């Protein structure tokens, strides 16, 4: 009840200060939600400054603005594709799909090895002899899936 009494006694200034505190907290606790709640608090303070309204209506304005802005922000960020200058970062095996390589170790009982760059990769596929050319068609974690050429 102290919060309600504080807002009722200080009116729009309480909302403006609360909005600024929420904006400052966004700098410390990133995530975007406090940003939109801070903006909603400031807008509520501005509305209450120019149009005297009850504290219940102020809370309603703050709640609705917070929910609407956060919902719009979440939808917008999820709909945007993320572009990267390094799309295979932490997904090294996927960058080898489509390449043709020579087996360094014969595929026996479904597993063998190939050398790619400075790394020896485990491969899975049909049993093939040492030195056979294969094409990488996929991966299962750090194991490359290959087919014979």
C-alpha atoms as a PDB file:
ATOM      1  CA  UNK A   1       0.000   0.000   0.000  1.00  0.00           C
ATOM      2  CA  UNK A   2       2.970   2.346   0.436  1.00  0.00           C
ATOM      3  CA  UNK A   3       3.609   2.329  -3.313  1.00  0.00           C
ATOM      4  CA  UNK A   4       0.018   3.297  -4.044  1.00  0.00           C
ATOM      5  CA  UNK A   5       0.124   6.065  -1.414  1.00  0.00           C
ATOM      6  CA  UNK A   6       3.416   7.347  -2.851  1.00  0.00           C
ATOM      7  CA  UNK A   7       2.002   7.435  -6.377  1.00  0.00           C
ATOM      8  CA  UNK A   8      -1.218   9.049  -5.197  1.00  0.00           C
ATOM      9  CA  UNK A   9       0.643  11.774  -3.281  1.00  0.00           C
ATOM     10  CA  UNK A  10       3.340  12.529  -5.891  1.00  0.00           C
ATOM     11  CA  UNK A  11       1.280  11.961  -9.011  1.00  0.00           C
ATOM     12  CA  UNK A  12       3.034  12.104 -12.352  1.00  0.00           C
ATOM     13  CA  UNK A  13       6.484  12.748 -10.873  1.00  0.00           C
ATOM     14  CA  UNK A  14       6.465   9.301  -9.295  1.00  0.00           C
ATOM     15  CA  UNK A  15       5.862   7.749 -12.717  1.00  0.00           C
ATOM     16  CA  UNK A  16       8.594   9.825 -14.333  1.00  0.00           C
ATOM     17  CA  UNK A  17      11.108   8.855 -11.643  1.00  0.00           C
ATOM     18  CA  UNK A  18      10.036   5.209 -11.769  1.00  0.00           C
ATOM     19  CA  UNK A  19      10.399   5.223 -15.557  1.00  0.00           C
ATOM     20  CA  UNK A  20      13.894   6.689 -15.325  1.00  0.00           C
ATOM     21  CA  UNK A  21      14.868   4.117 -12.687  1.00  0.00           C
ATOM     22  CA  UNK A  22      13.619   1.316 -14.950  1.00  0.00           C
ATOM     23  CA  UNK A  23      15.617   2.745 -17.854  1.00  0.00           C
ATOM     24  CA  UNK A  24      18.722   2.891 -15.642  1.00  0.00           C
ATOM     25  CA  UNK A  25      18.146  -0.705 -14.526  1.00  0.00           C
ATOM     26  CA  UNK A  26      18.049  -1.756 -18.188  1.00  0.00           C
ATOM     27  CA  UNK A  27      21.714  -0.746 -18.403  1.00  0.00           C
ATOM     28  CA  UNK A  28      22.573  -3.116 -15.548  1.00  0.00           C
ATOM     29  CA  UNK A  29      20.143  -5.956 -16.312  1.00  0.00           C
ATOM     30  CA  UNK A  30      19.972  -6.240 -20.106  1.00  0.00           C
ATOM     31  CA  UNK A  31      17.109  -7.964 -21.833  1.00  0.00           C
ATOM     32  CA  UNK A  32      14.900  -5.216 -23.202  1.00  0.00           C
ATOM     33  CA  UNK A  33      11.918  -5.637 -20.912  1.00  0.00           C
ATOM     34  CA  UNK A  34      12.857  -2.927 -18.452  1.00  0.00           C
ATOM     35  CA  UNK A  35      13.411  -0.535 -21.355  1.00  0.00           C
ATOM     36  CA  UNK A  36       9.804  -0.825 -22.448  1.00  0.00           C
ATOM     37  CA  UNK A  37       8.486  -0.709 -18.897  1.00  0.00           C
ATOM     38  CA  UNK A  38      10.543   2.446 -18.304  1.00  0.00           C
ATOM     39  CA  UNK A  39       9.119   4.054 -21.419  1.00  0.00           C
ATOM     40  CA  UNK A  40       5.617   3.040 -20.313  1.00  0.00           C
ATOM     41  CA  UNK A  41       6.280   4.646 -16.904  1.00  0.00           C
ATOM     42  CA  UNK A  42       7.453   7.885 -18.486  1.00  0.00           C
ATOM     43  CA  UNK A  43       4.457   7.987 -20.864  1.00  0.00           C
ATOM     44  CA  UNK A  44       2.128   7.327 -17.930  1.00  0.00           C
ATOM     45  CA  UNK A  45       3.738  10.220 -16.031  1.00  0.00           C
ATOM     46  CA  UNK A  46       3.377  12.559 -18.990  1.00  0.00           C
ATOM     47  CA  UNK A  47      -0.283  11.581 -19.463  1.00  0.00           C
ATOM     48  CA  UNK A  48      -0.967  12.048 -15.737  1.00  0.00           C
ATOM     49  CA  UNK A  49       0.796  15.422 -15.813  1.00  0.00           C
ATOM     50  CA  UNK A  50      -1.469  16.856 -18.518  1.00  0.00           C
ATOM     51  CA  UNK A  51      -4.664  14.947 -17.704  1.00  0.00           C
ATOM     52  CA  UNK A  52      -5.400  14.378 -14.014  1.00  0.00           C
ATOM     53  CA  UNK A  53      -6.539  10.776 -13.646  1.00  0.00           C
ATOM     54  CA  UNK A  54      -6.973   8.392 -10.718  1.00  0.00           C
ATOM     55  CA  UNK A  55      -4.124   6.177  -9.554  1.00  0.00           C
ATOM     56  CA  UNK A  56      -6.037   3.091 -10.709  1.00  0.00           C
ATOM     57  CA  UNK A  57      -6.249   4.501 -14.237  1.00  0.00           C
ATOM     58  CA  UNK A  58      -2.546   5.339 -14.082  1.00  0.00           C
ATOM     59  CA  UNK A  59      -1.717   1.736 -13.182  1.00  0.00           C
ATOM     60  CA  UNK A  60      -3.978   0.553 -15.984  1.00  0.00           C
ATOM     61  CA  UNK A  61      -2.217   2.811 -18.503  1.00  0.00           C
ATOM     62  CA  UNK A  62       1.184   1.638 -17.263  1.00  0.00           C
ATOM     63  CA  UNK A  63       0.201  -2.040 -17.395  1.00  0.00           C
ATOM     64  CA  UNK A  64      -1.382  -1.863 -20.831  1.00  0.00           C
ATOM     65  CA  UNK A  65       1.501   0.157 -22.305  1.00  0.00           C
ATOM     66  CA  UNK A  66       4.047  -2.243 -20.781  1.00  0.00           C
ATOM     67  CA  UNK A  67       2.286  -5.335 -22.109  1.00  0.00           C
ATOM     68  CA  UNK A  68       1.704  -3.888 -25.571  1.00  0.00           C
ATOM     69  CA  UNK A  69       5.223  -2.554 -26.037  1.00  0.00           C
ATOM     70  CA  UNK A  70       6.900  -5.709 -24.696  1.00  0.00           C
ATOM     71  CA  UNK A  71       4.685  -7.922 -26.874  1.00  0.00           C
ATOM     72  CA  UNK A  72       5.418  -5.847 -29.980  1.00  0.00           C
ATOM     73  CA  UNK A  73       9.142  -5.843 -29.200  1.00  0.00           C
ATOM     74  CA  UNK A  74       9.248  -9.636 -28.722  1.00  0.00           C
ATOM     75  CA  UNK A  75       7.351 -10.253 -31.974  1.00  0.00           C
ATOM     76  CA  UNK A  76       9.573  -7.858 -33.882  1.00  0.00           C
ATOM     77  CA  UNK A  77      12.826  -9.358 -32.596  1.00  0.00           C
ATOM     78  CA  UNK A  78      11.683 -12.930 -33.285  1.00  0.00           C
ATOM     79  CA  UNK A  79      10.578 -12.097 -36.828  1.00  0.00           C
ATOM     80  CA  UNK A  80      13.917 -10.533 -37.791  1.00  0.00           C
ATOM     81  CA  UNK A  81      16.417 -12.934 -39.314  1.00  0.00           C
ATOM     82  CA  UNK A  82      19.795 -12.867 -37.640  1.00  0.00           C
ATOM     83  CA  UNK A  83      22.596 -12.165 -40.092  1.00  0.00           C
ATOM     84  CA  UNK A  84      26.116 -13.139 -39.192  1.00  0.00           C
ATOM     85  CA  UNK A  85      29.479 -12.607 -40.811  1.00  0.00           C
ATOM     86  CA  UNK A  86      30.446 -16.017 -39.382  1.00  0.00           C
ATOM     87  CA  UNK A  87      27.406 -18.279 -39.871  1.00  0.00           C
ATOM     88  CA  UNK A  88      29.311 -21.488 -39.064  1.00  0.00           C
ATOM     89  CA  UNK A  89      30.757 -20.279 -35.779  1.00  0.00           C
ATOM     90  CA  UNK A  90      30.378 -23.133 -33.268  1.00  0.00           C
ATOM     91  CA  UNK A  91      29.027 -25.310 -36.129  1.00  0.00           C
ATOM     92  CA  UNK A  92      32.284 -26.248 -37.849  1.00  0.00           C
ATOM     93  CA  UNK A  93      31.044 -29.571 -39.197  1.00  0.00           C
ATOM     94  CA  UNK A  94      28.311 -27.889 -41.251  1.00  0.00           C
ATOM     95  CA  UNK A  95      30.832 -25.894 -43.281  1.00  0.00           C
ATOM     96  CA  UNK A  96      32.212 -29.116 -44.778  1.00  0.00           C
ATOM     97  CA  UNK A  97      28.905 -30.351 -46.235  1.00  0.00           C
ATOM     98  CA  UNK A  98      29.253 -30.857 -49.978  1.00  0.00           C
ATOM     99  CA  UNK A  99      33.043 -31.215 -49.981  1.00  0.00           C
ATOM    100  CA  UNK A 100      34.780 -34.211 -51.508  1.00  0.00           C
ATOM    101  CA  UNK A 101      37.595 -35.755 -49.479  1.00  0.00           C
ATOM    102  CA  UNK A 102      39.786 -38.860 -49.375  1.00  0.00           C
ATOM    103  CA  UNK A 103      39.484 -41.348 -46.507  1.00  0.00           C
ATOM    104  CA  UNK A 104      42.487 -41.285 -44.165  1.00  0.00           C
ATOM    105  CA  UNK A 105      41.215 -44.378 -42.361  1.00  0.00           C
ATOM    106  CA  UNK A 106      38.984 -46.985 -43.950  1.00  0.00           C
ATOM    107  CA  UNK A 107      35.347 -46.978 -42.956  1.00  0.00           C
ATOM    108  CA  UNK A 108      34.914 -50.189 -41.004  1.00  0.00           C
ATOM    109  CA  UNK A 109      31.758 -51.100 -39.079  1.00  0.00           C
ATOM    110  CA  UNK A 110      30.290 -47.764 -40.167  1.00  0.00           C
ATOM    111  CA  UNK A 111      33.085 -45.451 -38.943  1.00  0.00           C
ATOM    112  CA  UNK A 112      36.310 -44.042 -40.394  1.00  0.00           C
ATOM    113  CA  UNK A 113      38.353 -40.826 -40.500  1.00  0.00           C
ATOM    114  CA  UNK A 114      39.151 -37.999 -42.932  1.00  0.00           C
ATOM    115  CA  UNK A 115      41.556 -35.071 -42.682  1.00  0.00           C
ATOM    116  CA  UNK A 116      40.077 -31.609 -43.236  1.00  0.00           C
ATOM    117  CA  UNK A 117      42.454 -28.707 -42.732  1.00  0.00           C
ATOM    118  CA  UNK A 118      44.400 -29.326 -39.561  1.00  0.00           C
ATOM    119  CA  UNK A 119      41.808 -31.645 -38.000  1.00  0.00           C
ATOM    120  CA  UNK A 120      41.009 -35.311 -38.382  1.00  0.00           C
ATOM    121  CA  UNK A 121      37.262 -35.877 -38.421  1.00  0.00           C
ATOM    122  CA  UNK A 122      35.348 -39.040 -37.646  1.00  0.00           C
ATOM    123  CA  UNK A 123      33.023 -40.070 -40.467  1.00  0.00           C
ATOM    124  CA  UNK A 124      30.146 -42.485 -40.773  1.00  0.00           C
ATOM    125  CA  UNK A 125      28.892 -44.229 -43.869  1.00  0.00           C
ATOM    126  CA  UNK A 126      29.047 -47.526 -45.762  1.00  0.00           C
ATOM    127  CA  UNK A 127      32.227 -49.600 -45.360  1.00  0.00           C
ATOM    128  CA  UNK A 128      34.879 -48.295 -47.779  1.00  0.00           C
ATOM    129  CA  UNK A 129      38.644 -48.871 -48.195  1.00  0.00           C
ATOM    130  CA  UNK A 130      41.436 -46.467 -47.285  1.00  0.00           C
ATOM    131  CA  UNK A 131      41.999 -43.755 -49.920  1.00  0.00           C
ATOM    132  CA  UNK A 132      38.445 -43.907 -51.350  1.00  0.00           C
ATOM    133  CA  UNK A 133      36.876 -40.549 -52.341  1.00  0.00           C
ATOM    134  CA  UNK A 134      33.717 -39.610 -50.460  1.00  0.00           C
ATOM    135  CA  UNK A 135      31.353 -36.637 -50.349  1.00  0.00           C
ATOM    136  CA  UNK A 136      30.255 -35.150 -47.034  1.00  0.00           C
ATOM    137  CA  UNK A 137      26.445 -34.985 -47.014  1.00  0.00           C
ATOM    138  CA  UNK A 138      25.658 -34.099 -43.419  1.00  0.00           C
ATOM    139  CA  UNK A 139      26.725 -34.325 -39.841  1.00  0.00           C
ATOM    140  CA  UNK A 140      25.588 -35.718 -36.526  1.00  0.00           C
ATOM    141  CA  UNK A 141      27.309 -33.494 -33.989  1.00  0.00           C
ATOM    142  CA  UNK A 142      31.047 -33.826 -34.671  1.00  0.00           C
ATOM    143  CA  UNK A 143      30.636 -36.951 -36.846  1.00  0.00           C
ATOM    144  CA  UNK A 144      30.449 -36.299 -40.584  1.00  0.00           C
ATOM    145  CA  UNK A 145      28.095 -38.371 -42.745  1.00  0.00           C
ATOM    146  CA  UNK A 146      29.631 -39.428 -46.063  1.00  0.00           C
ATOM    147  CA  UNK A 147      28.613 -41.238 -49.251  1.00  0.00           C
ATOM    148  CA  UNK A 148      30.982 -42.850 -51.765  1.00  0.00           C
ATOM    149  CA  UNK A 149      31.751 -41.141 -55.078  1.00  0.00           C
END
